[in-house]
Amino acid sequence: MRVITLLSGYQREWFRGDLMAGLTTAAVVIPKSMAYAGIAGLPIQAGLYVALVPMLIYALLGTSRLLSVSTTGTLAILTAAALTQALPSADIAQRTAYACALTCMVGAILVSAGVLRLGFLANFISDPILTGFKAGIAVVLLLGQLPKLLGVHILEGNVLHNLLATLQLLPEANVATIVVSAVSLGILIGLHYFRPHAPAPLVAVAIGVAGTALLGLGNVGVALVGPILPALPSPVLPDLALFKFLWPGALGLALMSFTESIAAARVFARHDDPRPSANRELIALGVANLAGSVFEAFPAGGGASQTAVNVQAGARSQVAALSTVAVVAATLLFLSPLLGLLPQATLAAIIVVTAAPLFSLAEFRAILAVRRTEFVLALITGAGVVLIGTLEGILIAIVISVVTLIFQANHPPVYSLGRKPGTDIFRPRSTQHPNDVTLPGLLIVKTEGRMTFASAPHAGEGMAVLVQDAQPRVVILECSAIPDFEYTALRTLIRAEEKMRERGVALWLSALNPQAWEMVARSSLADSLGPDRIFFTLPEAVTAYERDSCKTARTTA
């Protein structure tokens, strides 16, 4: 059905732009995917398989017209961590088998989440936490490429171990490899600044291959990618028995695949494009990963950088992705022998240049300028990824996000209101508005958010402090920002009203939302207050207080 919809809505004038965008994106995707396969500890061609089958399936099923789906640095390093955790020592064949099972499990999790309509879970990682996580990933990626850039070989461990081991081997660095690294970095960085629309990774790969062919780089100690079989991947069913070893990593990969994909799809959607559907995206990404697992691919997701290239090159529809798939297939069939001549240092340089933007000082500064607490949380998340591990880091990110959400939900703001002089506008009292009007004997209190068994105690304590300080005769609780009262919260309010009444303080309610009013009407609180102490609007309640105060004053006189 999705394919039929795609073809029936396609406009002929889009084809040229889609074709050119597909070719341009392929020039970026192919070298990056090969580099990411190296990060995952898998054969280089596995990266091309990710840019083949998952991209094809997503183009047919996805809701985003422009999202380019293969893999990302984040997914590659999470894949490496998951495989290492499940299989600390293994040959390349075992690692490939485990990767296929991991991809299958990621796909199954994504499809299940889509069927259960759990797309909202992507919102559980806040932007500051995601900024910290990506920064940590960037540090791990950058430090992990140092040995390849220098031409040294280390026994890999954690990040700090790898850094120290690399520094100790600096005297043994291979000069030819360093030259290749410098040239590759120069090409990538130079083209980025002076020819931003040029396919810099493809140029670096072409020059690296040419250098090996013409100068015999392999004979002077420069490590090469090695032979790549010129063929498309053959279907192989994943070993389901491996699932029990891989599920922790699969959960993290599924979450990150969806989070990165839906973010990129939303950011790059044009104003006339349909808004990506979170639950349909889960299913499309899930099926793409399930299909990829049968064809030796590791976990896939939408990449922001390659999607940006796709958009800038003029893509208008999923036909651009289909063009990229065709180029990847042709590369596997006809260019594999040439890719085998590619220096590992060139791939490492591509990873470094790609990973560097993940560490965004501008984003950290923006967070710090707004809220210091969230800046600290971003730093903690990034440090957790670097010092504890990537899989543990994503768990830290989720836990911090959820704990922060729970804390904020259970600590609603409670404040008093004053009236802007000469108006019926009420706003929080502050030193910025010292002339706001307050009436003698009246305290107007406002709180925000759904009142639950967890948030009500904090709101009640805040309200009690304000009452104690003000010593009012009447307290008006302005309820416009309270969508609902849970039973326990309503009982808390009933007890608070009883205590205030015993002290000679009357509680009034104003601006109740329909659902909140329905809960109040069903309870004893409605009988205790009566219709004379429940008002539709705050100005109406204040007017009633002023009228009662005048009556009391005349009676006293």
Protein backbone atom coordinates (compact mmCIF):
# COMPACT_ATOMS: atom_id res chain seq x y z
CA MET A 1 0.00 0.00 0.00
CA ARG A 2 2.81 2.40 0.90
CA VAL A 3 4.57 1.74 -2.43
CA ILE A 4 1.36 2.40 -4.35
CA THR A 5 0.86 5.66 -2.45
CA LEU A 6 4.43 6.73 -3.16
CA LEU A 7 4.14 6.10 -6.90
CA SER A 8 0.66 7.60 -7.27
CA GLY A 9 1.71 10.85 -5.59
CA TYR A 10 4.99 11.20 -7.41
CA GLN A 11 5.54 14.24 -9.64
CA ARG A 12 7.59 13.85 -12.81
CA GLU A 13 9.57 17.06 -12.24
CA TRP A 14 10.98 15.61 -9.01
CA PHE A 15 12.88 12.83 -10.76
CA ARG A 16 15.99 14.74 -11.82
CA GLY A 17 16.45 16.24 -8.36
CA ASP A 18 15.87 12.88 -6.69
CA LEU A 19 18.34 11.14 -8.99
CA MET A 20 21.11 13.69 -8.40
CA ALA A 21 20.42 13.72 -4.66
CA GLY A 22 20.63 9.93 -4.54
CA LEU A 23 23.98 9.93 -6.33
CA THR A 24 25.35 12.69 -4.10
CA THR A 25 24.15 11.02 -0.92
CA ALA A 26 25.68 7.71 -2.04
CA ALA A 27 29.04 9.45 -2.34
CA VAL A 28 28.80 10.32 1.35
CA VAL A 29 27.00 7.22 2.64
CA ILE A 30 29.31 4.60 1.09
CA PRO A 31 32.59 5.70 2.72
CA LYS A 32 30.91 6.55 6.01
CA SER A 33 29.12 3.22 6.19
CA MET A 34 32.39 1.39 5.56
CA ALA A 35 34.01 3.43 8.33
CA TYR A 36 31.18 2.67 10.74
CA ALA A 37 31.49 -1.05 10.01
CA GLY A 38 35.08 -0.76 11.16
CA ILE A 39 33.92 0.89 14.40
CA ALA A 40 31.49 -1.98 14.98
CA GLY A 41 34.32 -4.46 14.47
CA LEU A 42 32.66 -6.00 11.41
CA PRO A 43 33.76 -6.59 7.81
CA ILE A 44 33.82 -3.38 5.76
CA GLN A 45 31.16 -4.70 3.38
CA ALA A 46 28.72 -4.98 6.31
CA GLY A 47 28.55 -1.19 6.23
CA LEU A 48 27.50 -1.32 2.59
CA TYR A 49 24.88 -3.95 3.42
CA VAL A 50 23.35 -1.51 5.95
CA ALA A 51 23.13 1.12 3.19
CA LEU A 52 21.49 -1.43 0.91
CA VAL A 53 18.64 -3.46 2.43
CA PRO A 54 17.49 -1.25 5.35
CA MET A 55 17.56 1.87 3.18
CA LEU A 56 15.50 0.11 0.51
CA ILE A 57 12.88 -1.14 2.97
CA TYR A 58 12.59 2.19 4.76
CA ALA A 59 12.14 4.03 1.45
CA LEU A 60 9.12 1.83 0.77
CA LEU A 61 7.58 1.94 4.26
CA GLY A 62 8.76 5.10 6.03
CA THR A 63 6.68 8.21 6.53
CA SER A 64 9.54 10.66 5.90
CA ARG A 65 10.21 11.50 2.26
CA LEU A 66 13.76 12.67 2.89
CA LEU A 67 15.22 10.55 5.70
CA SER A 68 18.31 8.60 4.62
CA VAL A 69 18.56 5.35 6.56
CA SER A 70 21.77 3.37 6.91
CA THR A 71 23.76 3.70 10.13
CA THR A 72 25.39 6.35 12.31
CA GLY A 73 28.45 6.68 14.50
CA THR A 74 26.27 6.33 17.59
CA LEU A 75 24.69 3.11 16.37
CA ALA A 76 28.05 1.72 15.25
CA ILE A 77 29.71 2.26 18.60
CA LEU A 78 26.67 0.91 20.48
CA THR A 79 26.81 -2.14 18.21
CA ALA A 80 30.49 -2.61 19.03
CA ALA A 81 29.76 -2.34 22.76
CA ALA A 82 26.85 -4.80 22.57
CA LEU A 83 28.88 -7.36 20.62
CA THR A 84 31.89 -7.04 22.90
CA GLN A 85 29.73 -7.44 25.98
CA ALA A 86 27.99 -10.52 24.59
CA LEU A 87 31.10 -12.01 22.95
CA PRO A 88 34.34 -10.62 24.46
CA SER A 89 36.62 -12.71 22.22
CA ALA A 90 35.44 -13.91 18.82
CA ASP A 91 36.56 -14.19 15.25
CA ILE A 92 34.99 -12.10 12.52
CA ALA A 93 32.52 -14.84 11.48
CA GLN A 94 31.13 -15.18 15.02
CA ARG A 95 30.92 -11.43 15.40
CA THR A 96 28.99 -11.17 12.12
CA ALA A 97 26.53 -13.86 13.26
CA TYR A 98 25.97 -12.04 16.53
CA ALA A 99 25.52 -8.75 14.67
CA CYS A 100 22.79 -10.26 12.50
CA ALA A 101 20.99 -11.56 15.58
CA LEU A 102 21.38 -8.16 17.25
CA THR A 103 19.90 -6.40 14.22
CA CYS A 104 16.99 -8.84 14.17
CA MET A 105 16.29 -8.18 17.83
CA VAL A 106 16.47 -4.41 17.35
CA GLY A 107 13.97 -4.75 14.51
CA ALA A 108 11.64 -6.89 16.61
CA ILE A 109 11.74 -4.37 19.47
CA LEU A 110 11.00 -1.46 17.13
CA VAL A 111 8.10 -3.23 15.42
CA SER A 112 6.64 -4.27 18.79
CA ALA A 113 6.93 -0.71 20.09
CA GLY A 114 5.18 0.58 16.96
CA VAL A 115 2.32 -1.91 17.28
CA LEU A 116 1.93 -0.96 20.96
CA ARG A 117 2.00 2.74 19.97
CA LEU A 118 5.00 3.56 22.14
CA GLY A 119 6.38 6.28 19.88
CA PHE A 120 6.08 8.79 22.71
CA LEU A 121 8.97 7.02 24.51
CA ALA A 122 11.44 8.82 22.25
CA ASN A 123 10.57 11.97 24.21
CA PHE A 124 11.97 10.43 27.40
CA ILE A 125 15.48 11.56 26.49
CA SER A 126 15.69 15.32 26.86
CA ASP A 127 17.79 17.49 24.56
CA PRO A 128 20.47 18.27 27.22
CA ILE A 129 20.83 14.57 28.06
CA LEU A 130 21.07 13.71 24.36
CA THR A 131 23.67 16.48 23.92
CA GLY A 132 25.77 14.96 26.69
CA PHE A 133 25.36 11.45 25.33
CA LYS A 134 26.43 12.44 21.83
CA ALA A 135 29.39 14.39 23.20
CA GLY A 136 30.50 11.30 25.09
CA ILE A 137 30.12 9.19 21.96
CA ALA A 138 32.20 11.74 20.04
CA VAL A 139 35.03 11.51 22.57
CA VAL A 140 34.97 7.70 22.44
CA LEU A 141 34.97 7.73 18.63
CA LEU A 142 37.75 10.30 18.32
CA LEU A 143 40.06 8.61 20.82
CA GLY A 144 39.26 5.21 19.32
CA GLN A 145 40.63 6.28 15.93
CA LEU A 146 44.02 7.48 17.21
CA PRO A 147 45.75 4.09 16.80
CA LYS A 148 44.59 3.83 13.17
CA LEU A 149 45.63 7.40 12.44
CA LEU A 150 49.09 6.70 13.86
CA GLY A 151 49.51 3.18 12.50
CA VAL A 152 49.97 1.48 15.88
CA HIS A 153 48.25 -1.61 17.26
CA ILE A 154 46.97 -1.80 20.85
CA LEU A 155 45.11 -4.32 22.97
CA GLU A 156 41.77 -2.59 23.34
CA GLY A 157 40.15 -1.89 26.69
CA ASN A 158 38.26 1.09 28.10
CA VAL A 159 38.75 4.59 26.76
CA LEU A 160 41.43 5.65 29.23
CA HIS A 161 43.35 2.38 28.74
CA ASN A 162 43.28 2.84 24.97
CA LEU A 163 44.49 6.43 25.24
CA LEU A 164 47.39 5.55 27.53
CA ALA A 165 48.36 2.54 25.39
CA THR A 166 48.34 4.71 22.27
CA LEU A 167 50.50 7.39 23.90
CA GLN A 168 53.01 4.76 25.01
CA LEU A 169 53.33 3.52 21.42
CA LEU A 170 53.86 6.96 19.90
CA PRO A 171 57.56 6.26 19.21
CA GLU A 172 56.49 3.28 17.09
CA ALA A 173 54.04 5.25 14.95
CA ASN A 174 54.22 4.56 11.22
CA VAL A 175 55.32 7.69 9.33
CA ALA A 176 53.60 6.69 6.08
CA THR A 177 50.31 6.12 7.95
CA ILE A 178 50.60 9.52 9.62
CA VAL A 179 51.10 11.14 6.21
CA VAL A 180 48.03 9.33 4.81
CA SER A 181 46.03 10.44 7.87
CA ALA A 182 47.15 14.05 7.49
CA VAL A 183 46.36 14.12 3.77
CA SER A 184 42.94 12.54 4.34
CA LEU A 185 42.08 14.96 7.15
CA GLY A 186 43.28 17.87 5.05
CA ILE A 187 41.04 16.84 2.16
CA LEU A 188 38.00 16.31 4.36
CA ILE A 189 38.38 19.52 6.36
CA GLY A 190 39.48 21.63 3.40
CA LEU A 191 36.58 20.59 1.19
CA HIS A 192 34.15 21.08 4.07
CA TYR A 193 35.17 24.75 4.40
CA PHE A 194 36.02 25.70 0.82
CA ARG A 195 33.76 23.37 -1.21
CA PRO A 196 30.96 22.46 1.22
CA HIS A 197 28.81 20.82 -1.45
CA ALA A 198 31.59 18.53 -2.68
CA PRO A 199 31.40 14.83 -1.62
CA ALA A 200 34.50 15.11 0.59
CA PRO A 201 34.44 11.49 1.90
CA LEU A 202 34.29 10.14 -1.66
CA VAL A 203 37.20 12.35 -2.73
CA ALA A 204 39.25 11.16 0.27
CA VAL A 205 38.46 7.52 -0.56
CA ALA A 206 39.36 7.96 -4.23
CA ILE A 207 42.69 9.59 -3.38
CA GLY A 208 43.42 6.92 -0.76
CA VAL A 209 42.76 4.11 -3.24
CA ALA A 210 44.82 5.86 -5.92
CA GLY A 211 47.66 6.37 -3.45
CA THR A 212 47.74 2.67 -2.63
CA ALA A 213 47.65 1.66 -6.30
CA LEU A 214 50.30 4.12 -7.45
CA LEU A 215 52.61 4.33 -4.43
CA GLY A 216 52.27 0.86 -2.94
CA LEU A 217 51.23 2.14 0.48
CA GLY A 218 50.62 -1.38 1.70
CA ASN A 219 54.34 -2.12 1.26
CA VAL A 220 55.41 0.63 3.66
CA GLY A 221 53.30 -0.43 6.63
CA VAL A 222 50.02 1.34 5.84
CA ALA A 223 47.13 -0.93 6.90
CA LEU A 224 44.54 -1.49 4.15
CA VAL A 225 40.90 -2.51 4.23
CA GLY A 226 41.74 -5.77 2.47
CA PRO A 227 39.86 -7.93 -0.01
CA ILE A 228 36.09 -7.42 -0.39
CA LEU A 229 34.04 -10.06 -2.18
CA PRO A 230 32.33 -8.50 -5.24
CA ALA A 231 28.78 -9.71 -4.57
CA LEU A 232 25.50 -8.76 -3.02
CA PRO A 233 24.76 -10.21 0.44
CA SER A 234 23.24 -13.67 0.56
CA PRO A 235 20.18 -14.27 2.77
CA VAL A 236 20.99 -16.03 6.05
CA LEU A 237 18.51 -16.44 8.90
CA PRO A 238 19.75 -14.99 12.22
CA ASP A 239 20.38 -17.40 15.08
CA LEU A 240 17.49 -16.71 17.47
CA ALA A 241 19.28 -18.57 20.27
CA LEU A 242 21.66 -15.61 20.54
CA PHE A 243 18.89 -13.23 21.63
CA LYS A 244 19.37 -14.00 25.32
CA PHE A 245 22.91 -12.61 25.16
CA LEU A 246 22.01 -9.48 23.21
CA TRP A 247 18.80 -8.02 24.62
CA PRO A 248 20.35 -5.29 26.82
CA GLY A 249 22.29 -3.84 23.90
CA ALA A 250 19.34 -4.31 21.56
CA LEU A 251 17.10 -2.17 23.79
CA GLY A 252 19.60 0.69 23.80
CA LEU A 253 20.15 0.42 20.05
CA ALA A 254 16.42 0.37 19.32
CA LEU A 255 15.86 3.49 21.41
CA MET A 256 18.78 5.35 19.86
CA SER A 257 17.87 4.27 16.31
CA PHE A 258 14.36 5.62 16.73
CA THR A 259 15.40 8.78 18.60
CA GLU A 260 17.98 9.78 15.99
CA SER A 261 15.72 8.86 13.09
CA ILE A 262 12.59 10.68 14.24
CA ALA A 263 14.65 13.76 15.17
CA ALA A 264 16.29 13.90 11.73
CA ALA A 265 12.98 13.22 9.96
CA ARG A 266 11.28 16.10 11.79
CA VAL A 267 14.16 18.56 11.45
CA PHE A 268 14.53 18.12 7.68
CA ALA A 269 10.84 17.80 6.75
CA ARG A 270 9.71 20.52 4.35
CA HIS A 271 6.68 22.61 5.18
CA ASP A 272 4.56 20.78 2.59
CA ASP A 273 5.72 17.29 3.64
CA PRO A 274 3.49 15.12 5.84
CA ARG A 275 4.62 15.13 9.48
CA PRO A 276 6.45 11.88 10.28
CA SER A 277 4.28 9.55 12.35
CA ALA A 278 6.21 8.26 15.37
CA ASN A 279 4.47 4.88 15.56
CA ARG A 280 4.65 4.25 11.81
CA GLU A 281 8.33 5.21 11.91
CA LEU A 282 8.89 2.58 14.58
CA ILE A 283 7.35 -0.08 12.38
CA ALA A 284 9.19 1.07 9.23
CA LEU A 285 12.56 1.14 11.02
CA GLY A 286 11.78 -2.19 12.66
CA VAL A 287 10.96 -3.92 9.38
CA ALA A 288 14.07 -2.33 7.81
CA ASN A 289 16.23 -3.83 10.56
CA LEU A 290 14.50 -7.20 10.38
CA ALA A 291 15.14 -7.35 6.65
CA GLY A 292 18.72 -6.16 7.13
CA SER A 293 19.39 -8.91 9.67
CA VAL A 294 18.71 -11.50 6.98
CA PHE A 295 21.31 -9.86 4.73
CA GLU A 296 24.24 -9.51 7.15
CA ALA A 297 23.58 -5.89 8.12
CA PHE A 298 24.13 -4.43 11.58
CA PRO A 299 21.55 -2.12 13.23
CA ALA A 300 20.32 0.75 11.07
CA GLY A 301 18.73 4.12 11.62
CA GLY A 302 18.33 7.53 10.05
CA GLY A 303 21.43 9.73 10.02
CA ALA A 304 21.21 13.50 10.40
CA SER A 305 24.35 14.26 8.37
CA GLN A 306 23.47 12.07 5.39
CA THR A 307 19.85 13.27 5.47
CA ALA A 308 21.16 16.84 5.39
CA VAL A 309 23.21 15.98 2.30
CA ASN A 310 20.14 14.38 0.73
CA VAL A 311 18.06 17.51 1.32
CA GLN A 312 20.74 19.96 0.20
CA ALA A 313 21.27 17.96 -3.00
CA GLY A 314 17.61 18.47 -3.98
CA ALA A 315 15.79 15.31 -2.83
CA ARG A 316 12.00 15.55 -2.93
CA SER A 317 10.92 11.98 -2.23
CA GLN A 318 11.98 8.44 -1.34
CA VAL A 319 13.12 7.95 -4.94
CA ALA A 320 16.36 9.66 -3.90
CA ALA A 321 16.97 6.87 -1.37
CA LEU A 322 16.21 4.27 -4.05
CA SER A 323 18.86 5.92 -6.24
CA THR A 324 21.36 5.67 -3.38
CA VAL A 325 20.51 1.98 -3.00
CA ALA A 326 21.21 1.41 -6.70
CA VAL A 327 24.63 3.06 -6.41
CA VAL A 328 25.49 0.98 -3.32
CA ALA A 329 24.50 -2.21 -5.16
CA ALA A 330 26.65 -1.24 -8.15
CA THR A 331 29.56 -0.51 -5.81
CA LEU A 332 29.29 -3.94 -4.22
CA LEU A 333 29.16 -5.65 -7.60
CA PHE A 334 31.80 -3.74 -9.53
CA LEU A 335 34.00 -1.61 -7.26
CA SER A 336 34.74 -3.99 -4.39
CA PRO A 337 38.30 -4.82 -5.55
CA LEU A 338 39.18 -1.13 -5.61
CA LEU A 339 37.70 -0.49 -2.15
CA GLY A 340 39.96 -3.22 -0.79
CA LEU A 341 42.92 -0.90 -1.51
CA LEU A 342 41.57 1.80 0.80
CA PRO A 343 43.90 2.70 3.74
CA GLN A 344 42.42 2.17 7.20
CA ALA A 345 43.79 5.59 8.11
CA THR A 346 41.50 7.21 5.54
CA LEU A 347 38.46 5.54 7.08
CA ALA A 348 39.65 6.68 10.51
CA ALA A 349 39.94 10.24 9.21
CA ILE A 350 36.37 10.07 7.87
CA ILE A 351 35.16 8.93 11.30
CA VAL A 352 37.04 11.74 13.06
CA VAL A 353 35.58 14.45 10.81
CA THR A 354 32.10 12.93 11.05
CA ALA A 355 32.20 12.44 14.82
CA ALA A 356 33.61 15.86 15.74
CA PRO A 357 30.30 17.75 15.28
CA LEU A 358 28.65 15.40 17.78
CA PHE A 359 30.61 17.28 20.45
CA SER A 360 28.90 20.66 20.22
CA LEU A 361 30.28 23.35 22.51
CA ALA A 362 27.59 25.69 21.19
CA GLU A 363 24.86 23.38 22.48
CA PHE A 364 26.54 23.12 25.88
CA ARG A 365 26.82 26.91 26.08
CA ALA A 366 23.16 27.31 25.09
CA ILE A 367 22.08 24.89 27.83
CA LEU A 368 24.26 26.63 30.42
CA ALA A 369 22.82 30.02 29.48
CA VAL A 370 19.29 28.80 30.17
CA ARG A 371 19.59 26.29 33.02
CA ARG A 372 22.72 25.32 34.95
CA THR A 373 21.17 22.14 36.37
CA GLU A 374 20.54 20.65 32.93
CA PHE A 375 24.05 21.65 31.88
CA VAL A 376 25.42 19.58 34.79
CA LEU A 377 23.19 16.65 33.78
CA ALA A 378 24.56 16.85 30.23
CA LEU A 379 28.13 16.76 31.58
CA ILE A 380 27.33 13.79 33.82
CA THR A 381 25.83 11.88 30.90
CA GLY A 382 28.82 12.57 28.67
CA ALA A 383 31.26 11.57 31.40
CA GLY A 384 29.29 8.38 32.01
CA VAL A 385 29.61 7.37 28.37
CA VAL A 386 33.37 8.01 28.37
CA LEU A 387 34.29 6.57 31.76
CA ILE A 388 31.74 3.78 32.28
CA GLY A 389 30.78 2.66 28.77
CA THR A 390 28.44 3.40 25.90
CA LEU A 391 25.71 0.91 26.80
CA GLU A 392 25.91 1.98 30.42
CA GLY A 393 25.94 5.58 29.21
CA ILE A 394 22.63 5.25 27.39
CA LEU A 395 21.16 3.68 30.54
CA ILE A 396 22.47 6.64 32.54
CA ALA A 397 20.88 8.99 29.99
CA ILE A 398 17.49 7.28 30.28
CA VAL A 399 17.60 7.09 34.08
CA ILE A 400 18.60 10.74 34.44
CA SER A 401 15.87 11.83 32.01
CA VAL A 402 13.17 9.80 33.80
CA VAL A 403 14.29 10.86 37.29
CA THR A 404 14.37 14.51 36.17
CA LEU A 405 10.89 14.16 34.67
CA ILE A 406 9.54 12.53 37.85
CA PHE A 407 11.14 15.18 40.05
CA GLN A 408 9.70 18.03 38.00
CA ALA A 409 6.24 16.42 37.86
CA ASN A 410 6.25 15.86 41.62
CA HIS A 411 7.53 19.35 42.51
CA PRO A 412 5.02 21.71 40.89
CA PRO A 413 5.59 25.44 41.33
CA VAL A 414 3.42 27.12 43.96
CA TYR A 415 3.24 30.91 44.05
CA SER A 416 1.02 33.83 44.97
CA LEU A 417 -0.56 36.21 42.46
CA GLY A 418 -1.01 39.96 42.37
CA ARG A 419 -3.11 42.12 40.05
CA LYS A 420 -1.46 44.36 37.50
CA PRO A 421 -2.54 47.93 38.35
CA GLY A 422 -5.60 49.14 36.41
CA THR A 423 -6.30 45.72 34.83
CA ASP A 424 -7.85 42.33 35.53
CA ILE A 425 -4.54 40.63 34.73
CA PHE A 426 -3.06 38.53 37.53
CA ARG A 427 0.58 37.45 37.53
CA PRO A 428 3.13 35.93 39.94
CA ARG A 429 4.28 38.36 42.59
CA SER A 430 7.92 39.30 42.23
CA THR A 431 10.42 42.08 42.83
CA GLN A 432 10.09 42.94 39.12
CA HIS A 433 6.49 44.07 39.71
CA PRO A 434 6.52 45.75 43.14
CA ASN A 435 3.39 47.81 42.41
CA ASP A 436 1.09 44.86 41.71
CA VAL A 437 -2.10 45.12 43.79
CA THR A 438 -2.91 42.76 46.66
CA LEU A 439 -6.04 43.04 48.78
CA PRO A 440 -5.86 42.98 52.58
CA GLY A 441 -6.89 39.61 53.94
CA LEU A 442 -6.79 37.91 50.53
CA LEU A 443 -4.15 35.44 49.27
CA ILE A 444 -4.33 34.20 45.69
CA VAL A 445 -2.38 30.98 45.16
CA LYS A 446 -1.63 29.18 41.91
CA THR A 447 0.03 25.86 41.16
CA GLU A 448 0.52 23.99 37.90
CA GLY A 449 0.21 20.46 36.56
CA ARG A 450 -1.96 17.46 37.22
CA MET A 451 -2.40 16.99 40.97
CA THR A 452 -1.42 13.41 41.85
CA PHE A 453 -0.60 11.45 44.99
CA ALA A 454 3.06 12.34 44.39
CA SER A 455 2.73 16.06 43.56
CA ALA A 456 -0.01 17.00 46.02
CA PRO A 457 2.17 16.88 49.17
CA HIS A 458 4.69 19.34 47.69
CA ALA A 459 1.91 21.63 46.46
CA GLY A 460 0.23 21.44 49.86
CA GLU A 461 3.45 22.31 51.68
CA GLY A 462 4.06 25.28 49.40
CA MET A 463 0.52 26.52 49.91
CA ALA A 464 0.80 26.12 53.71
CA VAL A 465 3.97 28.27 53.77
CA LEU A 466 2.25 31.04 51.80
CA VAL A 467 -0.80 30.94 54.10
CA GLN A 468 1.41 31.02 57.19
CA ASP A 469 3.29 34.08 55.91
CA ALA A 470 0.24 36.01 54.68
CA GLN A 471 -2.27 35.18 57.48
CA PRO A 472 -5.24 35.80 55.15
CA ARG A 473 -8.96 35.55 55.79
CA VAL A 474 -9.59 34.06 52.33
CA VAL A 475 -7.37 31.92 50.10
CA ILE A 476 -8.33 31.69 46.42
CA LEU A 477 -6.78 28.68 44.70
CA GLU A 478 -6.54 29.55 40.99
CA CYS A 479 -6.92 26.21 39.18
CA SER A 480 -6.65 27.06 35.47
CA ALA A 481 -3.27 25.27 35.19
CA ILE A 482 -4.53 22.12 36.96
CA PRO A 483 -6.04 19.76 34.35
CA ASP A 484 -7.19 17.15 36.87
CA PHE A 485 -7.20 16.07 40.52
CA GLU A 486 -6.28 12.48 41.34
CA TYR A 487 -8.22 11.01 44.26
CA THR A 488 -5.32 11.22 46.73
CA ALA A 489 -4.61 14.81 45.71
CA LEU A 490 -8.26 15.72 46.14
CA ARG A 491 -8.26 14.18 49.64
CA THR A 492 -5.18 16.29 50.43
CA LEU A 493 -7.05 19.42 49.32
CA ILE A 494 -10.08 18.44 51.41
CA ARG A 495 -7.93 18.04 54.52
CA ALA A 496 -6.19 21.37 53.81
CA GLU A 497 -9.60 23.10 53.54
CA GLU A 498 -10.66 21.58 56.87
CA LYS A 499 -7.51 22.76 58.64
CA MET A 500 -7.84 26.29 57.18
CA ARG A 501 -11.50 26.44 58.23
CA GLU A 502 -10.53 25.50 61.80
CA ARG A 503 -8.15 28.48 61.81
CA GLY A 504 -10.78 30.83 60.44
CA VAL A 505 -9.43 30.88 56.89
CA ALA A 506 -11.86 30.28 53.99
CA LEU A 507 -10.76 28.42 50.85
CA TRP A 508 -12.23 29.48 47.51
CA LEU A 509 -11.67 27.83 44.12
CA SER A 510 -11.58 29.55 40.74
CA ALA A 511 -11.11 28.64 37.06
CA LEU A 512 -11.58 24.90 37.47
CA ASN A 513 -11.02 22.91 34.28
CA PRO A 514 -13.89 20.58 33.29
CA GLN A 515 -12.22 17.35 34.43
CA ALA A 516 -10.97 18.92 37.66
CA TRP A 517 -14.44 20.36 38.35
CA GLU A 518 -16.01 16.96 37.75
CA MET A 519 -13.75 15.42 40.42
CA VAL A 520 -14.48 18.23 42.89
CA ALA A 521 -18.24 17.98 42.27
CA ARG A 522 -18.21 14.27 43.12
CA SER A 523 -16.44 14.83 46.43
CA SER A 524 -17.37 16.28 49.80
CA LEU A 525 -15.32 19.37 48.96
CA ALA A 526 -18.13 20.72 46.77
CA ASP A 527 -20.55 20.47 49.70
CA SER A 528 -18.05 22.08 52.10
CA LEU A 529 -17.43 25.05 49.81
CA GLY A 530 -20.89 25.46 48.36
CA PRO A 531 -21.66 27.40 45.18
CA ASP A 532 -20.68 30.71 46.80
CA ARG A 533 -16.98 29.75 47.04
CA ILE A 534 -16.44 28.21 43.58
CA PHE A 535 -16.02 30.67 40.67
CA PHE A 536 -15.64 30.40 36.90
CA THR A 537 -12.84 32.98 36.70
CA LEU A 538 -10.31 34.56 39.04
CA PRO A 539 -11.52 38.17 38.41
CA GLU A 540 -15.03 37.01 39.35
CA ALA A 541 -13.71 35.56 42.62
CA VAL A 542 -11.74 38.73 43.46
CA THR A 543 -14.78 40.88 42.73
CA ALA A 544 -16.84 38.71 45.09
CA TYR A 545 -14.18 39.13 47.80
CA GLU A 546 -14.17 42.91 47.35
CA ARG A 547 -17.97 42.96 47.57
CA ASP A 548 -17.97 40.83 50.74
CA SER A 549 -15.26 43.02 52.27
CA CYS A 550 -17.38 46.12 51.65
CA LYS A 551 -20.42 44.47 53.26
CA THR A 552 -18.33 43.49 56.27
CA ALA A 553 -16.94 47.02 56.58
CA ARG A 554 -20.45 48.58 56.46
CA THR A 555 -21.76 46.09 59.02
CA THR A 556 -18.88 46.87 61.35
CA ALA A 557 -19.46 50.60 60.95
